[in-house]
């Protein structure tokens, strides 16, 4: 930031007592900030000035005037450049929480990613339809799987890094929870009707003659045990990625949901974050002017990071080819394609870029491609 590049430490002396943060900023010739900007600024100052906070005052214990401030700022930028948007995610989480005064928010990861503009409307819809997305974008399904696996892992890590930083500031507590949709009949049996529409999309309709209420809530211990049991019955040790690639994701979810409906009156379930916080403390940290600029840049920063990861994967593959072919996994050979980077960026555009138009109707209207030979021998219990 420009203000940080003009930091002047010549007026700081050991033993000084500075009455407040604004006075400290005035002495070192920088503009005071608020919210996360203030936190980041104090973190930088602490690297050349050892101080003790006494109420609002700052007691200067020692100042390292031999330090090269410009070099320090550059090193800080380099060390944070890979995940510089973690702070941006923090700010947007705080703004989201500031709107909700309840002190607790339960939100699914897919909804949270969209709420923070980290992905667009197409991301979640296409995640379970990679076969159709492959046809639509003319990109190998294996590359799409790799992109989703890498991107989803990165986004999850970034969210939880931001959560942990907020926890360390005593602003929130959070944990992962499983939510269920319970169907509560007034009386009688719940009826489930499944049909395949003209787009080869399975549709499920729940009905009951006397009516049925719906309750979204956290799963009980017994329900979590049942979900794990039914998931394992179908998977038999197979990973989610193989089920998606084999075109059996809907079949898998319907199997588990059907068991849950008949045994527990639960029609479906999903994973979510439960965030608890003090609303007043959150409000105190929020900078109303900062979030809008951050919201504009976070989405593009996410795309830049994905591109950086793609380039790293391809370079690593090239090095592996040159050094030892034995260590190369079969699914890594897509990285030898001349269009590898181009196709990954095409996925970025369609699934991350918040300015991309909605393609879900187009994807839905496609027929599934035949399953490739790669997945014919994957053992999945029917």
Protein backbone atom coordinates (compact mmCIF):
# COMPACT_ATOMS: atom_id res chain seq x y z
CA UNK A 1 0.00 0.00 0.00
CA UNK A 2 1.26 3.49 -0.80
CA UNK A 3 0.88 4.75 2.76
CA UNK A 4 3.05 1.90 4.07
CA UNK A 5 5.77 2.64 1.52
CA UNK A 6 6.32 6.06 3.16
CA UNK A 7 6.76 4.80 6.73
CA UNK A 8 9.10 7.13 8.63
CA UNK A 9 10.62 5.68 11.82
CA UNK A 10 13.03 8.55 12.52
CA UNK A 11 10.77 10.07 15.22
CA UNK A 12 10.30 6.82 17.14
CA UNK A 13 12.45 6.48 20.26
CA UNK A 14 12.86 3.77 22.92
CA UNK A 15 10.69 4.48 25.97
CA UNK A 16 8.19 6.73 24.15
CA UNK A 17 4.56 6.53 25.26
CA UNK A 18 2.14 7.30 22.44
CA UNK A 19 -1.41 7.99 23.56
CA UNK A 20 -3.26 6.07 20.83
CA UNK A 21 -3.14 4.38 17.41
CA UNK A 22 -3.91 7.58 15.46
CA UNK A 23 -1.04 9.39 17.17
CA UNK A 24 1.29 6.48 16.33
CA UNK A 25 0.28 6.72 12.66
CA UNK A 26 0.91 10.48 12.71
CA UNK A 27 4.41 9.99 14.11
CA UNK A 28 5.41 7.45 11.42
CA UNK A 29 3.64 9.36 8.62
CA UNK A 30 1.02 6.78 7.63
CA UNK A 31 -2.73 6.99 7.23
CA UNK A 32 -4.75 5.32 10.04
CA UNK A 33 -6.85 2.35 8.96
CA UNK A 34 -9.74 0.40 10.45
CA UNK A 35 -10.85 -3.21 10.68
CA UNK A 36 -8.52 -5.76 9.10
CA UNK A 37 -6.47 -2.94 7.49
CA UNK A 38 -5.50 -1.74 10.97
CA UNK A 39 -4.62 -5.28 12.07
CA UNK A 40 -2.33 -5.76 9.06
CA UNK A 41 -0.71 -2.36 9.59
CA UNK A 42 0.06 -3.11 13.26
CA UNK A 43 1.48 -6.49 12.27
CA UNK A 44 3.93 -4.74 9.91
CA UNK A 45 4.86 -2.10 12.51
CA UNK A 46 5.63 -4.83 15.06
CA UNK A 47 8.39 -6.13 12.76
CA UNK A 48 10.58 -3.05 13.30
CA UNK A 49 9.11 -1.69 16.56
CA UNK A 50 8.77 -3.70 19.76
CA UNK A 51 5.90 -2.13 21.67
CA UNK A 52 3.60 -2.86 24.57
CA UNK A 53 -0.08 -1.97 24.47
CA UNK A 54 -1.40 -0.26 27.63
CA UNK A 55 -5.09 0.48 27.15
CA UNK A 56 -5.19 2.66 24.03
CA UNK A 57 -1.57 3.74 24.51
CA UNK A 58 1.56 2.30 22.91
CA UNK A 59 4.73 2.04 25.01
CA UNK A 60 7.74 1.78 22.67
CA UNK A 61 10.18 -0.74 24.12
CA UNK A 62 12.70 -0.72 21.27
CA UNK A 63 13.03 0.42 17.66
CA UNK A 64 15.30 -1.18 15.06
CA UNK A 65 16.37 1.84 13.01
CA UNK A 66 18.91 -0.15 11.06
CA UNK A 67 16.16 -2.02 9.21
CA UNK A 68 15.49 -1.31 5.54
CA UNK A 69 11.78 -0.38 5.61
CA UNK A 70 11.27 -0.63 1.85
CA UNK A 71 12.88 -4.08 1.77
CA UNK A 72 10.77 -5.18 4.76
CA UNK A 73 7.57 -4.12 2.99
CA UNK A 74 8.59 -5.98 -0.17
CA UNK A 75 9.39 -9.14 1.80
CA UNK A 76 6.01 -8.93 3.52
CA UNK A 77 4.26 -8.60 0.20
CA UNK A 78 6.15 -11.59 -1.22
CA UNK A 79 5.45 -13.77 1.80
CA UNK A 80 1.74 -12.97 1.66
CA UNK A 81 1.25 -12.80 -2.11
CA UNK A 82 0.35 -16.49 -2.43
CA UNK A 83 -2.58 -16.11 -0.05
CA UNK A 84 -3.00 -12.34 0.14
CA UNK A 85 -6.71 -12.78 -0.33
CA UNK A 86 -7.07 -14.69 2.97
CA UNK A 87 -7.46 -11.31 4.69
CA UNK A 88 -10.02 -10.35 2.07
CA UNK A 89 -12.00 -13.50 2.85
CA UNK A 90 -11.87 -12.57 6.55
CA UNK A 91 -13.30 -9.14 5.86
CA UNK A 92 -16.15 -10.50 3.74
CA UNK A 93 -16.97 -13.16 6.35
CA UNK A 94 -17.18 -10.42 8.98
CA UNK A 95 -19.46 -8.33 6.76
CA UNK A 96 -21.69 -11.34 6.21
CA UNK A 97 -21.86 -11.98 9.96
CA UNK A 98 -22.50 -8.30 10.71
CA UNK A 99 -25.82 -8.54 8.86
CA UNK A 100 -26.96 -11.47 11.01
CA UNK A 101 -27.45 -10.41 14.65
CA UNK A 102 -28.25 -13.91 15.96
CA UNK A 103 -24.69 -14.71 17.03
CA UNK A 104 -24.79 -18.00 15.14
CA UNK A 105 -24.90 -18.81 11.45
CA UNK A 106 -25.10 -22.26 9.82
CA UNK A 107 -24.23 -22.14 6.14
CA UNK A 108 -23.22 -24.75 3.56
CA UNK A 109 -19.78 -24.48 1.99
CA UNK A 110 -21.24 -24.12 -1.51
CA UNK A 111 -23.47 -21.24 -0.39
CA UNK A 112 -20.61 -19.59 1.51
CA UNK A 113 -18.27 -19.75 -1.50
CA UNK A 114 -20.95 -18.10 -3.65
CA UNK A 115 -21.80 -15.55 -0.94
CA UNK A 116 -18.16 -14.42 -0.83
CA UNK A 117 -17.89 -14.27 -4.66
CA UNK A 118 -15.19 -16.96 -4.59
CA UNK A 119 -17.10 -18.94 -7.25
CA UNK A 120 -20.01 -18.24 -9.57
CA UNK A 121 -23.48 -19.79 -9.98
CA UNK A 122 -22.17 -22.51 -12.30
CA UNK A 123 -19.56 -23.98 -9.95
CA UNK A 124 -21.73 -26.13 -7.69
CA UNK A 125 -24.25 -27.15 -10.35
CA UNK A 126 -21.55 -28.44 -12.72
CA UNK A 127 -19.56 -30.19 -9.99
CA UNK A 128 -21.81 -33.26 -10.12
CA UNK A 129 -22.21 -33.02 -13.91
CA UNK A 130 -18.58 -33.10 -15.08
CA UNK A 131 -19.50 -35.52 -17.88
CA UNK A 132 -21.92 -32.99 -19.39
CA UNK A 133 -19.52 -30.10 -18.73
CA UNK A 134 -16.87 -32.04 -20.64
CA UNK A 135 -19.15 -32.12 -23.68
CA UNK A 136 -20.15 -28.46 -23.33
CA UNK A 137 -16.59 -27.12 -23.06
CA UNK A 138 -14.90 -29.82 -25.17
CA UNK A 139 -12.46 -30.56 -22.35
CA UNK A 140 -11.34 -34.03 -21.26
CA UNK A 141 -13.37 -35.20 -18.25
CA UNK A 142 -10.18 -36.27 -16.46
CA UNK A 143 -8.82 -32.72 -16.62
CA UNK A 144 -12.12 -31.36 -15.26
CA UNK A 145 -11.94 -33.82 -12.34
CA UNK A 146 -8.38 -32.70 -11.58
CA UNK A 147 -9.42 -29.02 -11.76
CA UNK A 148 -12.36 -29.56 -9.37
CA UNK A 149 -10.29 -31.67 -6.96
CA UNK A 150 -7.48 -29.09 -6.82
CA UNK A 151 -9.75 -26.04 -6.76
CA UNK A 152 -12.17 -27.39 -4.17
CA UNK A 153 -9.27 -28.35 -1.88
CA UNK A 154 -7.70 -24.89 -2.28
CA UNK A 155 -10.97 -23.04 -1.62
CA UNK A 156 -11.70 -25.17 1.46
CA UNK A 157 -8.20 -24.53 2.84
CA UNK A 158 -8.54 -20.80 2.24
CA UNK A 159 -11.92 -20.63 3.96
CA UNK A 160 -10.62 -22.49 6.98
CA UNK A 161 -7.42 -20.41 7.12
CA UNK A 162 -9.62 -17.31 7.26
CA UNK A 163 -11.79 -18.96 9.93
CA UNK A 164 -8.70 -19.84 12.00
CA UNK A 165 -7.38 -16.28 11.82
CA UNK A 166 -10.75 -15.00 13.05
CA UNK A 167 -10.70 -17.62 15.82
CA UNK A 168 -7.21 -16.43 16.84
CA UNK A 169 -8.60 -12.90 17.12
CA UNK A 170 -11.41 -14.26 19.37
CA UNK A 171 -13.99 -13.03 16.87
CA UNK A 172 -15.58 -16.40 16.03
CA UNK A 173 -15.70 -20.08 16.82
CA UNK A 174 -16.66 -22.56 14.11
CA UNK A 175 -17.04 -26.26 13.40
CA UNK A 176 -18.24 -28.48 10.58
CA UNK A 177 -21.74 -29.89 10.94
CA UNK A 178 -24.01 -32.12 8.88
CA UNK A 179 -27.49 -30.76 8.17
CA UNK A 180 -30.53 -32.86 7.32
CA UNK A 181 -33.91 -32.12 5.77
CA UNK A 182 -36.48 -34.00 7.81
CA UNK A 183 -39.91 -34.70 6.31
CA UNK A 184 -42.53 -34.64 9.07
CA UNK A 185 -45.86 -36.16 7.97
CA UNK A 186 -49.03 -35.16 9.75
CA UNK A 187 -50.03 -38.81 9.35
CA UNK A 188 -49.58 -41.53 6.78
CA UNK A 189 -46.59 -42.72 4.78
CA UNK A 190 -44.22 -40.49 2.78
CA UNK A 191 -44.33 -41.29 -0.93
CA UNK A 192 -41.25 -40.89 -3.10
CA UNK A 193 -41.64 -40.64 -6.88
CA UNK A 194 -38.54 -40.74 -9.07
CA UNK A 195 -38.56 -40.04 -12.79
CA UNK A 196 -36.01 -39.09 -15.47
CA UNK A 197 -36.78 -35.95 -17.46
CA UNK A 198 -35.99 -35.23 -21.10
CA UNK A 199 -32.49 -34.04 -20.13
CA UNK A 200 -31.65 -37.36 -18.44
CA UNK A 201 -31.80 -35.59 -15.09
CA UNK A 202 -33.37 -37.58 -12.24
CA UNK A 203 -36.22 -35.78 -10.48
CA UNK A 204 -37.58 -36.71 -7.08
CA UNK A 205 -40.99 -35.71 -5.78
CA UNK A 206 -42.07 -36.39 -2.18
CA UNK A 207 -45.77 -36.48 -1.49
CA UNK A 208 -48.23 -37.47 1.19
CA UNK A 209 -52.03 -37.30 1.13
CA UNK A 210 -52.33 -35.58 4.49
CA UNK A 211 -49.49 -33.08 3.98
CA UNK A 212 -45.90 -32.93 5.18
CA UNK A 213 -43.87 -30.32 7.06
CA UNK A 214 -40.16 -29.80 6.39
CA UNK A 215 -37.53 -29.20 9.07
CA UNK A 216 -33.88 -28.31 8.39
CA UNK A 217 -31.67 -29.13 11.39
CA UNK A 218 -28.36 -30.64 12.46
CA UNK A 219 -28.09 -34.42 12.23
CA UNK A 220 -28.12 -36.39 15.47
CA UNK A 221 -25.34 -38.80 16.40
CA UNK A 222 -27.50 -41.75 15.33
CA UNK A 223 -28.36 -40.09 12.00
CA UNK A 224 -24.68 -39.40 11.27
CA UNK A 225 -23.95 -43.06 11.99
CA UNK A 226 -26.71 -44.10 9.57
CA UNK A 227 -25.44 -41.74 6.83
CA UNK A 228 -21.93 -43.16 7.09
CA UNK A 229 -23.34 -46.70 7.02
CA UNK A 230 -25.42 -46.15 3.86
CA UNK A 231 -22.62 -44.23 2.11
CA UNK A 232 -20.19 -47.08 2.77
CA UNK A 233 -22.71 -49.68 1.61
CA UNK A 234 -22.77 -48.06 -1.82
CA UNK A 235 -19.14 -46.93 -2.11
CA UNK A 236 -17.44 -50.04 -0.72
CA UNK A 237 -14.27 -47.98 -0.32
CA UNK A 238 -14.48 -46.13 -3.67
CA UNK A 239 -13.72 -42.37 -3.54
CA UNK A 240 -16.26 -39.68 -4.47
CA UNK A 241 -14.22 -38.65 -7.52
CA UNK A 242 -14.63 -42.09 -9.11
CA UNK A 243 -18.37 -42.07 -8.53
CA UNK A 244 -18.66 -38.64 -10.16
CA UNK A 245 -16.48 -39.67 -13.11
CA UNK A 246 -18.45 -42.89 -13.65
CA UNK A 247 -21.70 -40.94 -13.93
CA UNK A 248 -23.16 -42.59 -10.81
CA UNK A 249 -23.22 -39.62 -8.43
CA UNK A 250 -27.00 -39.14 -8.64
CA UNK A 251 -27.52 -42.89 -8.25
CA UNK A 252 -25.26 -42.89 -5.18
CA UNK A 253 -27.04 -39.94 -3.53
CA UNK A 254 -30.46 -41.43 -4.32
CA UNK A 255 -29.40 -44.74 -2.75
CA UNK A 256 -28.35 -43.07 0.52
CA UNK A 257 -31.30 -40.65 0.57
CA UNK A 258 -33.81 -43.45 -0.08
CA UNK A 259 -32.44 -45.43 2.87
CA UNK A 260 -32.58 -42.33 5.08
CA UNK A 261 -36.14 -41.55 4.00
CA UNK A 262 -37.47 -45.01 4.75
CA UNK A 263 -35.63 -45.38 8.05
CA UNK A 264 -35.38 -41.81 9.42
CA UNK A 265 -37.81 -39.61 7.40
CA UNK A 266 -34.80 -37.66 6.06
CA UNK A 267 -35.01 -36.71 2.38
CA UNK A 268 -31.46 -35.34 1.96
CA UNK A 269 -28.44 -34.01 3.86
CA UNK A 270 -25.47 -31.69 3.33
CA UNK A 271 -22.32 -30.48 5.10
CA UNK A 272 -22.16 -26.98 6.54
CA UNK A 273 -20.20 -24.66 8.81
CA UNK A 274 -21.62 -23.53 12.14
CA UNK A 275 -20.14 -20.10 12.97
CA UNK A 276 -20.67 -18.56 16.42
CA UNK A 277 -19.72 -14.95 17.19
CA UNK A 278 -20.36 -11.85 19.29
CA UNK A 279 -22.22 -9.43 17.02
CA UNK A 280 -20.86 -6.28 18.73
CA UNK A 281 -17.26 -7.45 18.35
CA UNK A 282 -17.86 -8.22 14.67
CA UNK A 283 -19.38 -4.78 14.08
CA UNK A 284 -16.33 -3.15 15.72
CA UNK A 285 -14.03 -4.90 13.22
CA UNK A 286 -16.05 -4.14 10.12
CA UNK A 287 -14.92 -1.38 7.75
CA UNK A 288 -17.95 -0.49 5.60
CA UNK A 289 -15.85 1.15 2.90
CA UNK A 290 -13.34 -1.66 2.52
CA UNK A 291 -15.60 -4.58 1.62
CA UNK A 292 -16.77 -3.29 -1.75
CA UNK A 293 -13.26 -2.93 -3.17
CA UNK A 294 -12.34 -6.33 -1.75
CA UNK A 295 -15.42 -7.95 -3.29
CA UNK A 296 -14.31 -6.66 -6.69
CA UNK A 297 -10.79 -8.09 -6.42
CA UNK A 298 -11.17 -11.36 -4.47
CA UNK A 299 -12.75 -13.24 -7.36
CA UNK A 300 -9.91 -12.34 -9.75
CA UNK A 301 -7.31 -13.14 -7.06
CA UNK A 302 -8.83 -16.62 -6.70
CA UNK A 303 -8.52 -17.14 -10.47
CA UNK A 304 -4.89 -15.95 -10.38
CA UNK A 305 -4.10 -18.45 -7.62
CA UNK A 306 -5.73 -21.31 -9.54
CA UNK A 307 -3.66 -20.35 -12.60
CA UNK A 308 -0.52 -20.32 -10.46
CA UNK A 309 -1.37 -23.84 -9.22
CA UNK A 310 -2.00 -25.08 -12.76
CA UNK A 311 1.36 -23.78 -13.99
CA UNK A 312 3.06 -25.37 -10.97
CA UNK A 313 1.41 -28.76 -11.68
CA UNK A 314 2.45 -28.68 -15.33
CA UNK A 315 6.04 -27.67 -14.54
CA UNK A 316 6.25 -30.41 -11.91
CA UNK A 317 5.01 -32.93 -14.48
CA UNK A 318 7.62 -31.81 -17.03
CA UNK A 319 10.36 -32.19 -14.41
CA UNK A 320 9.09 -35.66 -13.50
CA UNK A 321 9.18 -36.72 -17.15
CA UNK A 322 12.76 -35.54 -17.44
CA UNK A 323 13.84 -37.25 -14.21
CA UNK A 324 11.86 -40.42 -13.61
CA UNK A 325 8.87 -41.75 -15.57
CA UNK A 326 8.11 -44.37 -12.90
CA UNK A 327 6.83 -41.74 -10.44
CA UNK A 328 4.22 -40.32 -12.83
CA UNK A 329 0.60 -41.22 -12.11
CA UNK A 330 -1.71 -42.14 -14.99
CA UNK A 331 -4.06 -39.22 -14.41
CA UNK A 332 -1.17 -36.72 -14.65
CA UNK A 333 -0.58 -37.24 -18.38
CA UNK A 334 -3.25 -34.65 -19.24
CA UNK A 335 -0.61 -32.10 -18.15
CA UNK A 336 1.41 -32.90 -21.28
CA UNK A 337 -1.36 -31.47 -23.49
CA UNK A 338 -0.44 -28.20 -25.21
CA UNK A 339 -3.91 -26.90 -24.29
CA UNK A 340 -3.58 -27.84 -20.59
CA UNK A 341 -3.27 -24.26 -19.33
CA UNK A 342 -5.81 -22.93 -21.84
CA UNK A 343 -8.43 -25.53 -20.82
CA UNK A 344 -7.89 -24.89 -17.12
CA UNK A 345 -8.39 -21.18 -17.72
CA UNK A 346 -11.57 -21.98 -19.64
CA UNK A 347 -12.82 -23.76 -16.51
CA UNK A 348 -11.84 -20.70 -14.45
CA UNK A 349 -13.89 -18.48 -16.73
CA UNK A 350 -16.99 -20.67 -16.64
CA UNK A 351 -16.95 -21.78 -13.00
CA UNK A 352 -15.18 -19.04 -11.01
CA UNK A 353 -15.48 -15.70 -12.82
CA UNK A 354 -18.39 -13.88 -11.17
CA UNK A 355 -19.12 -12.00 -14.41
CA UNK A 356 -19.74 -15.20 -16.40
CA UNK A 357 -23.32 -15.76 -17.52
CA UNK A 358 -25.34 -18.70 -16.19
CA UNK A 359 -24.65 -21.88 -18.20
CA UNK A 360 -26.65 -24.30 -16.03
CA UNK A 361 -29.59 -24.51 -18.45
CA UNK A 362 -27.21 -25.32 -21.32
CA UNK A 363 -25.46 -27.99 -19.25
CA UNK A 364 -28.76 -29.50 -18.13
CA UNK A 365 -29.94 -29.78 -21.73
CA UNK A 366 -27.03 -31.99 -22.80
CA UNK A 367 -27.05 -35.78 -22.96
CA UNK A 368 -24.46 -37.62 -20.93
CA UNK A 369 -21.39 -38.85 -22.83
CA UNK A 370 -20.64 -42.60 -22.77
CA UNK A 371 -18.39 -43.48 -19.84
CA UNK A 372 -14.73 -43.69 -20.90
CA UNK A 373 -12.78 -46.95 -20.74
CA UNK A 374 -10.90 -45.57 -17.74
CA UNK A 375 -13.92 -46.10 -15.51
CA UNK A 376 -15.43 -49.29 -16.91
CA UNK A 377 -13.52 -51.45 -14.43
CA UNK A 378 -14.14 -49.27 -11.39
CA UNK A 379 -15.81 -51.49 -8.83
CA UNK A 380 -18.97 -49.88 -7.57
CA UNK A 381 -21.66 -52.01 -5.98
CA UNK A 382 -25.08 -51.58 -7.60
